[in-house]
Amino acid sequence: MPSEPSKEFVVLDNPRPGRPYEIRCETPELTCLCPVTGQPDFATVIVTYIPDQHIVELKSLKMYLWSFRNEGVHHEGITNRILDDLVDAIAPQSMEVITEWLVRGGITTTVTAKHEK
C-alpha cells in the first residue's frame, strides 16, 4: 500500500533519556504553495533537537512534511508551524527548525524558529 501524507507523528521513546544528544534531520523536499500566487515554493528544511523522553519516527516526519504540498502558506508560517507541531508531539529539551527557500522574485529566504524548554 502506498504511503499518504499525514499530519500525525509517530512518537518513539528516547533510547537514552538521561543523556543529552542532538538529532539533526534534513531534507530538500519541503514544498507548499504561495498563498498569494498559488505557485509552488521549494525549501530545504533542517530540524535539530535535543530530545527529552521522546523522539519522532523519521517516516512520519517525511509524511508530515509531504502534507504541506498543496497548502497555501507563507514561509514564516510553515516554519513556525513545523516547530510548534513537533514541540507539541515530542516535548524536546530544545529544537530549531530552519527552512531555506529557493529563489523567488530574486530573493532567497531563510527562516529560523527556536524552542527552549
PDB file of N, CA and C in Angstrom:
ATOM      1  N   MET A   1       0.848  -1.180   0.000  1.00  0.00           N
ATOM      2  CA  MET A   1       0.000   0.000   0.000  1.00  0.00           C
ATOM      3  C   MET A   1       0.892   1.241   0.000  1.00  0.00           C
ATOM      4  N   PRO A   2       0.630   2.195  -0.903  1.00  0.00           N
ATOM      5  CA  PRO A   2       1.457   3.399  -0.956  1.00  0.00           C
ATOM      6  C   PRO A   2       1.276   4.283   0.281  1.00  0.00           C
ATOM      7  N   SER A   3       2.299   5.061   0.556  1.00  0.00           N
ATOM      8  CA  SER A   3       2.248   5.996   1.674  1.00  0.00           C
ATOM      9  C   SER A   3       1.366   7.186   1.316  1.00  0.00           C
ATOM     10  N   GLU A   4       0.833   7.825   2.336  1.00  0.00           N
ATOM     11  CA  GLU A   4      -0.013   9.001   2.170  1.00  0.00           C
ATOM     12  C   GLU A   4       0.500  10.116   3.071  1.00  0.00           C
ATOM     13  N   PRO A   5       0.330  11.381   2.674  1.00  0.00           N
ATOM     14  CA  PRO A   5       0.709  12.476   3.570  1.00  0.00           C
ATOM     15  C   PRO A   5      -0.146  12.442   4.830  1.00  0.00           C
ATOM     16  N   SER A   6       0.426  12.902   5.938  1.00  0.00           N
ATOM     17  CA  SER A   6      -0.278  12.856   7.220  1.00  0.00           C
ATOM     18  C   SER A   6       0.248  13.940   8.152  1.00  0.00           C
ATOM     19  N   LYS A   7      -0.635  14.506   8.951  1.00  0.00           N
ATOM     20  CA  LYS A   7      -0.225  15.486   9.967  1.00  0.00           C
ATOM     21  C   LYS A   7       0.066  14.801  11.303  1.00  0.00           C
ATOM     22  N   GLU A   8       0.000  13.477  11.358  1.00  0.00           N
ATOM     23  CA  GLU A   8       0.227  12.723  12.594  1.00  0.00           C
ATOM     24  C   GLU A   8       1.681  12.248  12.671  1.00  0.00           C
ATOM     25  N   PHE A   9       2.291  12.455  13.818  1.00  0.00           N
ATOM     26  CA  PHE A   9       3.641  11.948  14.056  1.00  0.00           C
ATOM     27  C   PHE A   9       3.571  10.611  14.789  1.00  0.00           C
ATOM     28  N   VAL A  10       4.497   9.736  14.474  1.00  0.00           N
ATOM     29  CA  VAL A  10       4.724   8.542  15.281  1.00  0.00           C
ATOM     30  C   VAL A  10       5.811   8.934  16.274  1.00  0.00           C
ATOM     31  N   VAL A  11       5.495   8.790  17.550  1.00  0.00           N
ATOM     32  CA  VAL A  11       6.408   9.192  18.623  1.00  0.00           C
ATOM     33  C   VAL A  11       7.008   7.933  19.239  1.00  0.00           C
ATOM     34  N   LEU A  12       8.330   7.926  19.375  1.00  0.00           N
ATOM     35  CA  LEU A  12       9.045   6.794  19.954  1.00  0.00           C
ATOM     36  C   LEU A  12       9.688   7.208  21.272  1.00  0.00           C
ATOM     37  N   ASP A  13       9.901   6.241  22.148  1.00  0.00           N
ATOM     38  CA  ASP A  13      10.639   6.518  23.379  1.00  0.00           C
ATOM     39  C   ASP A  13      12.095   6.806  23.046  1.00  0.00           C
ATOM     40  N   ASN A  14      12.660   7.774  23.732  1.00  0.00           N
ATOM     41  CA  ASN A  14      14.072   8.095  23.588  1.00  0.00           C
ATOM     42  C   ASN A  14      14.878   6.926  24.167  1.00  0.00           C
ATOM     43  N   PRO A  15      15.783   6.325  23.393  1.00  0.00           N
ATOM     44  CA  PRO A  15      16.548   5.196  23.909  1.00  0.00           C
ATOM     45  C   PRO A  15      17.574   5.575  24.979  1.00  0.00           C
ATOM     46  N   ARG A  16      17.921   6.862  25.094  1.00  0.00           N
ATOM     47  CA  ARG A  16      18.889   7.348  26.088  1.00  0.00           C
ATOM     48  C   ARG A  16      18.374   8.631  26.731  1.00  0.00           C
ATOM     49  N   PRO A  17      17.267   8.563  27.500  1.00  0.00           N
ATOM     50  CA  PRO A  17      16.654   9.787  28.028  1.00  0.00           C
ATOM     51  C   PRO A  17      17.514  10.566  29.012  1.00  0.00           C
ATOM     52  N   GLY A  18      18.499   9.955  29.648  1.00  0.00           N
ATOM     53  CA  GLY A  18      19.342  10.672  30.595  1.00  0.00           C
ATOM     54  C   GLY A  18      20.545  11.341  29.967  1.00  0.00           C
ATOM     55  N   ARG A  19      20.770  11.117  28.693  1.00  0.00           N
ATOM     56  CA  ARG A  19      21.957  11.652  28.010  1.00  0.00           C
ATOM     57  C   ARG A  19      21.551  12.746  27.028  1.00  0.00           C
ATOM     58  N   PRO A  20      22.093  13.945  27.172  1.00  0.00           N
ATOM     59  CA  PRO A  20      21.807  14.966  26.170  1.00  0.00           C
ATOM     60  C   PRO A  20      22.574  14.667  24.877  1.00  0.00           C
ATOM     61  N   TYR A  21      21.855  14.535  23.793  1.00  0.00           N
ATOM     62  CA  TYR A  21      22.462  14.345  22.485  1.00  0.00           C
ATOM     63  C   TYR A  21      21.592  15.038  21.442  1.00  0.00           C
ATOM     64  N   GLU A  22      22.182  15.332  20.302  1.00  0.00           N
ATOM     65  CA  GLU A  22      21.498  16.104  19.272  1.00  0.00           C
ATOM     66  C   GLU A  22      21.085  15.213  18.110  1.00  0.00           C
ATOM     67  N   ILE A  23      19.883  15.445  17.621  1.00  0.00           N
ATOM     68  CA  ILE A  23      19.377  14.784  16.421  1.00  0.00           C
ATOM     69  C   ILE A  23      19.173  15.857  15.362  1.00  0.00           C
ATOM     70  N   ARG A  24      19.668  15.598  14.152  1.00  0.00           N
ATOM     71  CA  ARG A  24      19.510  16.552  13.044  1.00  0.00           C
ATOM     72  C   ARG A  24      18.895  15.804  11.867  1.00  0.00           C
ATOM     73  N   CYS A  25      17.780  16.309  11.380  1.00  0.00           N
ATOM     74  CA  CYS A  25      17.094  15.746  10.220  1.00  0.00           C
ATOM     75  C   CYS A  25      17.043  16.823   9.145  1.00  0.00           C
ATOM     76  N   GLU A  26      17.398  16.465   7.925  1.00  0.00           N
ATOM     77  CA  GLU A  26      17.444  17.442   6.841  1.00  0.00           C
ATOM     78  C   GLU A  26      16.898  16.836   5.568  1.00  0.00           C
ATOM     79  N   THR A  27      16.072  17.608   4.856  1.00  0.00           N
ATOM     80  CA  THR A  27      15.569  17.153   3.566  1.00  0.00           C
ATOM     81  C   THR A  27      15.358  18.346   2.638  1.00  0.00           C
ATOM     82  N   PRO A  28      15.682  18.194   1.356  1.00  0.00           N
ATOM     83  CA  PRO A  28      15.435  19.262   0.392  1.00  0.00           C
ATOM     84  C   PRO A  28      14.048  19.151  -0.247  1.00  0.00           C
ATOM     85  N   GLU A  29      13.148  18.396   0.371  1.00  0.00           N
ATOM     86  CA  GLU A  29      11.876  18.062  -0.271  1.00  0.00           C
ATOM     87  C   GLU A  29      10.647  18.715   0.353  1.00  0.00           C
ATOM     88  N   LEU A  30      10.803  19.867   1.022  1.00  0.00           N
ATOM     89  CA  LEU A  30       9.641  20.570   1.548  1.00  0.00           C
ATOM     90  C   LEU A  30       9.038  21.422   0.438  1.00  0.00           C
ATOM     91  N   THR A  31       7.766  21.211   0.158  1.00  0.00           N
ATOM     92  CA  THR A  31       7.068  22.010  -0.845  1.00  0.00           C
ATOM     93  C   THR A  31       5.729  22.461  -0.293  1.00  0.00           C
ATOM     94  N   CYS A  32       5.309  23.626  -0.736  1.00  0.00           N
ATOM     95  CA  CYS A  32       3.984  24.151  -0.411  1.00  0.00           C
ATOM     96  C   CYS A  32       3.608  25.104  -1.533  1.00  0.00           C
ATOM     97  N   LEU A  33       2.491  25.787  -1.380  1.00  0.00           N
ATOM     98  CA  LEU A  33       2.053  26.740  -2.382  1.00  0.00           C
ATOM     99  C   LEU A  33       2.105  28.151  -1.819  1.00  0.00           C
ATOM    100  N   CYS A  34       2.478  29.108  -2.656  1.00  0.00           N
ATOM    101  CA  CYS A  34       2.418  30.511  -2.264  1.00  0.00           C
ATOM    102  C   CYS A  34       0.945  30.873  -2.083  1.00  0.00           C
ATOM    103  N   PRO A  35       0.569  31.411  -0.903  1.00  0.00           N
ATOM    104  CA  PRO A  35      -0.840  31.716  -0.681  1.00  0.00           C
ATOM    105  C   PRO A  35      -1.336  32.916  -1.509  1.00  0.00           C
ATOM    106  N   VAL A  36      -0.418  33.667  -2.109  1.00  0.00           N
ATOM    107  CA  VAL A  36      -0.800  34.825  -2.916  1.00  0.00           C
ATOM    108  C   VAL A  36      -0.968  34.433  -4.381  1.00  0.00           C
ATOM    109  N   THR A  37       0.028  33.709  -4.925  1.00  0.00           N
ATOM    110  CA  THR A  37       0.013  33.395  -6.362  1.00  0.00           C
ATOM    111  C   THR A  37      -0.438  31.969  -6.673  1.00  0.00           C
ATOM    112  N   GLY A  38      -0.366  31.077  -5.681  1.00  0.00           N
ATOM    113  CA  GLY A  38      -0.686  29.667  -5.920  1.00  0.00           C
ATOM    114  C   GLY A  38       0.455  28.898  -6.547  1.00  0.00           C
ATOM    115  N   GLN A  39       1.595  29.552  -6.796  1.00  0.00           N
ATOM    116  CA  GLN A  39       2.746  28.877  -7.385  1.00  0.00           C
ATOM    117  C   GLN A  39       3.464  28.045  -6.329  1.00  0.00           C
ATOM    118  N   PRO A  40       4.142  26.978  -6.743  1.00  0.00           N
ATOM    119  CA  PRO A  40       4.843  26.139  -5.778  1.00  0.00           C
ATOM    120  C   PRO A  40       6.088  26.821  -5.220  1.00  0.00           C
ATOM    121  N   ASP A  41       6.344  26.584  -3.941  1.00  0.00           N
ATOM    122  CA  ASP A  41       7.564  27.014  -3.265  1.00  0.00           C
ATOM    123  C   ASP A  41       8.321  25.766  -2.834  1.00  0.00           C
ATOM    124  N   PHE A  42       9.650  25.826  -2.866  1.00  0.00           N
ATOM    125  CA  PHE A  42      10.502  24.688  -2.561  1.00  0.00           C
ATOM    126  C   PHE A  42      11.538  25.083  -1.514  1.00  0.00           C
ATOM    127  N   ALA A  43      11.738  24.213  -0.521  1.00  0.00           N
ATOM    128  CA  ALA A  43      12.695  24.540   0.536  1.00  0.00           C
ATOM    129  C   ALA A  43      13.402  23.290   1.039  1.00  0.00           C
ATOM    130  N   THR A  44      14.575  23.546   1.596  1.00  0.00           N
ATOM    131  CA  THR A  44      15.251  22.555   2.425  1.00  0.00           C
ATOM    132  C   THR A  44      14.836  22.853   3.853  1.00  0.00           C
ATOM    133  N   VAL A  45      14.457  21.826   4.581  1.00  0.00           N
ATOM    134  CA  VAL A  45      14.109  22.003   5.993  1.00  0.00           C
ATOM    135  C   VAL A  45      15.118  21.235   6.830  1.00  0.00           C
ATOM    136  N   ILE A  46      15.585  21.887   7.891  1.00  0.00           N
ATOM    137  CA  ILE A  46      16.541  21.284   8.816  1.00  0.00           C
ATOM    138  C   ILE A  46      15.922  21.354  10.211  1.00  0.00           C
ATOM    139  N   VAL A  47      15.740  20.201  10.823  1.00  0.00           N
ATOM    140  CA  VAL A  47      15.211  20.110  12.186  1.00  0.00           C
ATOM    141  C   VAL A  47      16.328  19.569  13.064  1.00  0.00           C
ATOM    142  N   THR A  48      16.701  20.336  14.073  1.00  0.00           N
ATOM    143  CA  THR A  48      17.742  19.928  15.012  1.00  0.00           C
ATOM    144  C   THR A  48      17.155  20.007  16.409  1.00  0.00           C
ATOM    145  N   TYR A  49      17.307  18.907  17.178  1.00  0.00           N
ATOM    146  CA  TYR A  49      16.757  18.945  18.530  1.00  0.00           C
ATOM    147  C   TYR A  49      17.532  18.075  19.502  1.00  0.00           C
ATOM    148  N   ILE A  50      17.390  18.433  20.778  1.00  0.00           N
ATOM    149  CA  ILE A  50      17.884  17.608  21.879  1.00  0.00           C
ATOM    150  C   ILE A  50      16.651  16.988  22.514  1.00  0.00           C
ATOM    151  N   PRO A  51      16.495  15.669  22.398  1.00  0.00           N
ATOM    152  CA  PRO A  51      15.272  15.045  22.894  1.00  0.00           C
ATOM    153  C   PRO A  51      15.224  14.990  24.421  1.00  0.00           C
ATOM    154  N   ASP A  52      14.010  14.852  24.921  1.00  0.00           N
ATOM    155  CA  ASP A  52      13.804  14.596  26.339  1.00  0.00           C
ATOM    156  C   ASP A  52      13.376  13.135  26.468  1.00  0.00           C
ATOM    157  N   GLN A  53      12.107  12.858  26.604  1.00  0.00           N
ATOM    158  CA  GLN A  53      11.630  11.488  26.768  1.00  0.00           C
ATOM    159  C   GLN A  53      11.256  10.813  25.451  1.00  0.00           C
ATOM    160  N   HIS A  54      11.076  11.623  24.374  1.00  0.00           N
ATOM    161  CA  HIS A  54      10.594  11.064  23.108  1.00  0.00           C
ATOM    162  C   HIS A  54      11.376  11.606  21.919  1.00  0.00           C
ATOM    163  N   ILE A  55      11.321  10.834  20.828  1.00  0.00           N
ATOM    164  CA  ILE A  55      11.867  11.244  19.541  1.00  0.00           C
ATOM    165  C   ILE A  55      10.781  11.033  18.486  1.00  0.00           C
ATOM    166  N   VAL A  56      10.946  11.651  17.326  1.00  0.00           N
ATOM    167  CA  VAL A  56       9.984  11.468  16.251  1.00  0.00           C
ATOM    168  C   VAL A  56      10.514  10.407  15.290  1.00  0.00           C
ATOM    169  N   GLU A  57       9.621   9.529  14.866  1.00  0.00           N
ATOM    170  CA  GLU A  57       9.972   8.493  13.897  1.00  0.00           C
ATOM    171  C   GLU A  57      10.111   9.166  12.532  1.00  0.00           C
ATOM    172  N   LEU A  58      11.167   8.822  11.790  1.00  0.00           N
ATOM    173  CA  LEU A  58      11.537   9.582  10.596  1.00  0.00           C
ATOM    174  C   LEU A  58      10.546   9.474   9.446  1.00  0.00           C
ATOM    175  N   LYS A  59       9.955   8.317   9.228  1.00  0.00           N
ATOM    176  CA  LYS A  59       8.988   8.210   8.127  1.00  0.00           C
ATOM    177  C   LYS A  59       7.784   9.100   8.414  1.00  0.00           C
ATOM    178  N   SER A  60       7.352   9.177   9.664  1.00  0.00           N
ATOM    179  CA  SER A  60       6.206  10.030   9.971  1.00  0.00           C
ATOM    180  C   SER A  60       6.569  11.509   9.773  1.00  0.00           C
ATOM    181  N   LEU A  61       7.819  11.880  10.030  1.00  0.00           N
ATOM    182  CA  LEU A  61       8.262  13.246   9.756  1.00  0.00           C
ATOM    183  C   LEU A  61       8.202  13.517   8.258  1.00  0.00           C
ATOM    184  N   LYS A  62       8.634  12.560   7.461  1.00  0.00           N
ATOM    185  CA  LYS A  62       8.577  12.696   5.999  1.00  0.00           C
ATOM    186  C   LYS A  62       7.138  12.863   5.524  1.00  0.00           C
ATOM    187  N   MET A  63       6.215  12.038   6.040  1.00  0.00           N
ATOM    188  CA  MET A  63       4.810  12.111   5.641  1.00  0.00           C
ATOM    189  C   MET A  63       4.177  13.437   6.095  1.00  0.00           C
ATOM    190  N   TYR A  64       4.607  13.921   7.267  1.00  0.00           N
ATOM    191  CA  TYR A  64       4.133  15.209   7.778  1.00  0.00           C
ATOM    192  C   TYR A  64       4.563  16.337   6.838  1.00  0.00           C
ATOM    193  N   LEU A  65       5.838  16.366   6.472  1.00  0.00           N
ATOM    194  CA  LEU A  65       6.326  17.410   5.574  1.00  0.00           C
ATOM    195  C   LEU A  65       5.631  17.330   4.218  1.00  0.00           C
ATOM    196  N   TRP A  66       5.359  16.130   3.761  1.00  0.00           N
ATOM    197  CA  TRP A  66       4.661  15.924   2.492  1.00  0.00           C
ATOM    198  C   TRP A  66       3.252  16.531   2.543  1.00  0.00           C
ATOM    199  N   SER A  67       2.654  16.555   3.712  1.00  0.00           N
ATOM    200  CA  SER A  67       1.270  17.021   3.843  1.00  0.00           C
ATOM    201  C   SER A  67       1.097  18.509   3.515  1.00  0.00           C
ATOM    202  N   PHE A  68       2.184  19.261   3.422  1.00  0.00           N
ATOM    203  CA  PHE A  68       2.093  20.677   3.088  1.00  0.00           C
ATOM    204  C   PHE A  68       2.090  20.951   1.587  1.00  0.00           C
ATOM    205  N   ARG A  69       2.279  19.933   0.788  1.00  0.00           N
ATOM    206  CA  ARG A  69       2.477  20.094  -0.655  1.00  0.00           C
ATOM    207  C   ARG A  69       1.396  20.935  -1.331  1.00  0.00           C
ATOM    208  N   ASN A  70       0.149  20.784  -0.934  1.00  0.00           N
ATOM    209  CA  ASN A  70      -0.944  21.510  -1.591  1.00  0.00           C
ATOM    210  C   ASN A  70      -1.537  22.606  -0.723  1.00  0.00           C
ATOM    211  N   GLU A  71      -0.822  23.007   0.331  1.00  0.00           N
ATOM    212  CA  GLU A  71      -1.307  24.071   1.215  1.00  0.00           C
ATOM    213  C   GLU A  71      -0.694  25.406   0.838  1.00  0.00           C
ATOM    214  N   GLY A  72      -1.513  26.442   0.874  1.00  0.00           N
ATOM    215  CA  GLY A  72      -1.017  27.793   0.684  1.00  0.00           C
ATOM    216  C   GLY A  72      -0.573  28.349   2.029  1.00  0.00           C
ATOM    217  N   VAL A  73       0.714  28.625   2.152  1.00  0.00           N
ATOM    218  CA  VAL A  73       1.250  29.086   3.436  1.00  0.00           C
ATOM    219  C   VAL A  73       2.515  29.911   3.193  1.00  0.00           C
ATOM    220  N   HIS A  74       2.686  30.957   3.995  1.00  0.00           N
ATOM    221  CA  HIS A  74       3.893  31.779   3.908  1.00  0.00           C
ATOM    222  C   HIS A  74       5.070  31.055   4.559  1.00  0.00           C
ATOM    223  N   HIS A  75       6.275  31.391   4.133  1.00  0.00           N
ATOM    224  CA  HIS A  75       7.496  30.751   4.634  1.00  0.00           C
ATOM    225  C   HIS A  75       7.602  30.827   6.152  1.00  0.00           C
ATOM    226  N   GLU A  76       7.303  31.984   6.718  1.00  0.00           N
ATOM    227  CA  GLU A  76       7.398  32.167   8.164  1.00  0.00           C
ATOM    228  C   GLU A  76       6.362  31.321   8.895  1.00  0.00           C
ATOM    229  N   GLY A  77       5.179  31.212   8.307  1.00  0.00           N
ATOM    230  CA  GLY A  77       4.108  30.435   8.926  1.00  0.00           C
ATOM    231  C   GLY A  77       4.398  28.946   8.958  1.00  0.00           C
ATOM    232  N   ILE A  78       4.874  28.393   7.859  1.00  0.00           N
ATOM    233  CA  ILE A  78       5.141  26.954   7.816  1.00  0.00           C
ATOM    234  C   ILE A  78       6.308  26.589   8.733  1.00  0.00           C
ATOM    235  N   THR A  79       7.316  27.442   8.793  1.00  0.00           N
ATOM    236  CA  THR A  79       8.470  27.161   9.656  1.00  0.00           C
ATOM    237  C   THR A  79       8.039  27.102  11.116  1.00  0.00           C
ATOM    238  N   ASN A  80       7.272  28.088  11.542  1.00  0.00           N
ATOM    239  CA  ASN A  80       6.799  28.106  12.934  1.00  0.00           C
ATOM    240  C   ASN A  80       5.789  26.998  13.211  1.00  0.00           C
ATOM    241  N   ARG A  81       4.983  26.646  12.230  1.00  0.00           N
ATOM    242  CA  ARG A  81       4.024  25.545  12.428  1.00  0.00           C
ATOM    243  C   ARG A  81       4.742  24.212  12.605  1.00  0.00           C
ATOM    244  N   ILE A  82       5.778  23.967  11.796  1.00  0.00           N
ATOM    245  CA  ILE A  82       6.554  22.730  11.942  1.00  0.00           C
ATOM    246  C   ILE A  82       7.136  22.659  13.350  1.00  0.00           C
ATOM    247  N   LEU A  83       7.737  23.757  13.800  1.00  0.00           N
ATOM    248  CA  LEU A  83       8.302  23.791  15.151  1.00  0.00           C
ATOM    249  C   LEU A  83       7.220  23.523  16.195  1.00  0.00           C
ATOM    250  N   ASP A  84       6.110  24.237  16.127  1.00  0.00           N
ATOM    251  CA  ASP A  84       5.039  24.073  17.120  1.00  0.00           C
ATOM    252  C   ASP A  84       4.506  22.639  17.150  1.00  0.00           C
ATOM    253  N   ASP A  85       4.270  22.066  15.977  1.00  0.00           N
ATOM    254  CA  ASP A  85       3.718  20.712  15.923  1.00  0.00           C
ATOM    255  C   ASP A  85       4.691  19.678  16.487  1.00  0.00           C
ATOM    256  N   LEU A  86       5.982  19.821  16.164  1.00  0.00           N
ATOM    257  CA  LEU A  86       6.975  18.882  16.701  1.00  0.00           C
ATOM    258  C   LEU A  86       7.140  19.041  18.208  1.00  0.00           C
ATOM    259  N   VAL A  87       7.168  20.266  18.694  1.00  0.00           N
ATOM    260  CA  VAL A  87       7.291  20.502  20.140  1.00  0.00           C
ATOM    261  C   VAL A  87       6.077  19.911  20.858  1.00  0.00           C
ATOM    262  N   ASP A  88       4.881  20.107  20.305  1.00  0.00           N
ATOM    263  CA  ASP A  88       3.676  19.527  20.907  1.00  0.00           C
ATOM    264  C   ASP A  88       3.740  18.003  20.940  1.00  0.00           C
ATOM    265  N   ALA A  89       4.319  17.398  19.906  1.00  0.00           N
ATOM    266  CA  ALA A  89       4.354  15.936  19.800  1.00  0.00           C
ATOM    267  C   ALA A  89       5.396  15.291  20.701  1.00  0.00           C
ATOM    268  N   ILE A  90       6.600  15.870  20.791  1.00  0.00           N
ATOM    269  CA  ILE A  90       7.683  15.166  21.498  1.00  0.00           C
ATOM    270  C   ILE A  90       8.283  15.914  22.673  1.00  0.00           C
ATOM    271  N   ALA A  91       7.901  17.175  22.897  1.00  0.00           N
ATOM    272  CA  ALA A  91       8.392  17.971  24.035  1.00  0.00           C
ATOM    273  C   ALA A  91       9.908  17.852  24.227  1.00  0.00           C
ATOM    274  N   PRO A  92      10.690  18.287  23.233  1.00  0.00           N
ATOM    275  CA  PRO A  92      12.147  18.185  23.346  1.00  0.00           C
ATOM    276  C   PRO A  92      12.710  19.185  24.341  1.00  0.00           C
ATOM    277  N   GLN A  93      13.956  18.946  24.753  1.00  0.00           N
ATOM    278  CA  GLN A  93      14.635  19.928  25.600  1.00  0.00           C
ATOM    279  C   GLN A  93      14.848  21.222  24.833  1.00  0.00           C
ATOM    280  N   SER A  94      15.229  21.114  23.575  1.00  0.00           N
ATOM    281  CA  SER A  94      15.356  22.278  22.699  1.00  0.00           C
ATOM    282  C   SER A  94      15.163  21.802  21.265  1.00  0.00           C
ATOM    283  N   MET A  95      14.800  22.761  20.404  1.00  0.00           N
ATOM    284  CA  MET A  95      14.594  22.429  18.994  1.00  0.00           C
ATOM    285  C   MET A  95      14.763  23.682  18.160  1.00  0.00           C
ATOM    286  N   GLU A  96      15.305  23.488  16.960  1.00  0.00           N
ATOM    287  CA  GLU A  96      15.431  24.554  15.984  1.00  0.00           C
ATOM    288  C   GLU A  96      14.962  24.017  14.643  1.00  0.00           C
ATOM    289  N   VAL A  97      14.145  24.802  13.960  1.00  0.00           N
ATOM    290  CA  VAL A  97      13.698  24.463  12.609  1.00  0.00           C
ATOM    291  C   VAL A  97      14.147  25.589  11.688  1.00  0.00           C
ATOM    292  N   ILE A  98      14.867  25.217  10.642  1.00  0.00           N
ATOM    293  CA  ILE A  98      15.339  26.177   9.642  1.00  0.00           C
ATOM    294  C   ILE A  98      14.751  25.768   8.302  1.00  0.00           C
ATOM    295  N   THR A  99      14.185  26.735   7.581  1.00  0.00           N
ATOM    296  CA  THR A  99      13.767  26.490   6.208  1.00  0.00           C
ATOM    297  C   THR A  99      14.554  27.425   5.304  1.00  0.00           C
ATOM    298  N   GLU A 100      15.135  26.844   4.268  1.00  0.00           N
ATOM    299  CA  GLU A 100      15.924  27.590   3.287  1.00  0.00           C
ATOM    300  C   GLU A 100      15.190  27.496   1.954  1.00  0.00           C
ATOM    301  N   TRP A 101      14.597  28.602   1.536  1.00  0.00           N
ATOM    302  CA  TRP A 101      13.710  28.629   0.376  1.00  0.00           C
ATOM    303  C   TRP A 101      14.461  28.977  -0.895  1.00  0.00           C
ATOM    304  N   LEU A 102      14.110  28.313  -1.993  1.00  0.00           N
ATOM    305  CA  LEU A 102      14.707  28.630  -3.285  1.00  0.00           C
ATOM    306  C   LEU A 102      14.298  30.031  -3.713  1.00  0.00           C
ATOM    307  N   VAL A 103      15.059  30.580  -4.609  1.00  0.00           N
ATOM    308  CA  VAL A 103      14.851  31.955  -5.064  1.00  0.00           C
ATOM    309  C   VAL A 103      13.444  32.133  -5.628  1.00  0.00           C
ATOM    310  N   ARG A 104      12.811  33.211  -5.187  1.00  0.00           N
ATOM    311  CA  ARG A 104      11.502  33.612  -5.730  1.00  0.00           C
ATOM    312  C   ARG A 104      11.561  35.118  -5.914  1.00  0.00           C
ATOM    313  N   GLY A 105      11.393  35.596  -7.135  1.00  0.00           N
ATOM    314  CA  GLY A 105      11.446  37.037  -7.393  1.00  0.00           C
ATOM    315  C   GLY A 105      12.804  37.640  -7.084  1.00  0.00           C
ATOM    316  N   GLY A 106      13.864  36.826  -7.221  1.00  0.00           N
ATOM    317  CA  GLY A 106      15.211  37.318  -6.980  1.00  0.00           C
ATOM    318  C   GLY A 106      15.626  37.333  -5.516  1.00  0.00           C
ATOM    319  N   ILE A 107      14.775  36.804  -4.626  1.00  0.00           N
ATOM    320  CA  ILE A 107      15.076  36.826  -3.190  1.00  0.00           C
ATOM    321  C   ILE A 107      15.116  35.402  -2.655  1.00  0.00           C
ATOM    322  N   THR A 108      16.198  35.087  -1.943  1.00  0.00           N
ATOM    323  CA  THR A 108      16.309  33.825  -1.212  1.00  0.00           C
ATOM    324  C   THR A 108      15.924  34.111   0.237  1.00  0.00           C
ATOM    325  N   THR A 109      15.118  33.232   0.819  1.00  0.00           N
ATOM    326  CA  THR A 109      14.659  33.443   2.193  1.00  0.00           C
ATOM    327  C   THR A 109      15.071  32.267   3.061  1.00  0.00           C
ATOM    328  N   THR A 110      15.590  32.574   4.252  1.00  0.00           N
ATOM    329  CA  THR A 110      15.867  31.570   5.274  1.00  0.00           C
ATOM    330  C   THR A 110      15.120  31.985   6.531  1.00  0.00           C
ATOM    331  N   VAL A 111      14.337  31.048   7.091  1.00  0.00           N
ATOM    332  CA  VAL A 111      13.569  31.324   8.305  1.00  0.00           C
ATOM    333  C   VAL A 111      14.033  30.347   9.395  1.00  0.00           C
ATOM    334  N   THR A 112      14.312  30.865  10.594  1.00  0.00           N
ATOM    335  CA  THR A 112      14.744  30.053  11.715  1.00  0.00           C
ATOM    336  C   THR A 112      13.794  30.272  12.874  1.00  0.00           C
ATOM    337  N   ALA A 113      13.252  29.182  13.426  1.00  0.00           N
ATOM    338  CA  ALA A 113      12.388  29.238  14.607  1.00  0.00           C
ATOM    339  C   ALA A 113      12.985  28.335  15.667  1.00  0.00           C
ATOM    340  N   LYS A 114      12.977  28.795  16.942  1.00  0.00           N
ATOM    341  CA  LYS A 114      13.626  28.045  18.023  1.00  0.00           C
ATOM    342  C   LYS A 114      12.700  27.832  19.201  1.00  0.00           C
ATOM    343  N   HIS A 115      12.950  26.743  19.920  1.00  0.00           N
ATOM    344  CA  HIS A 115      12.237  26.412  21.160  1.00  0.00           C
ATOM    345  C   HIS A 115      13.253  26.001  22.216  1.00  0.00           C
ATOM    346  N   GLU A 116      13.125  26.540  23.403  1.00  0.00           N
ATOM    347  CA  GLU A 116      13.927  26.111  24.565  1.00  0.00           C
ATOM    348  C   GLU A 116      12.972  25.749  25.689  1.00  0.00           C
ATOM    349  N   LYS A 117      13.234  24.654  26.360  1.00  0.00           N
ATOM    350  CA  LYS A 117      12.398  24.230  27.483  1.00  0.00           C
ATOM    351  C   LYS A 117      12.638  25.073  28.691  1.00  0.00           C
TER     352      LYS A 117
END
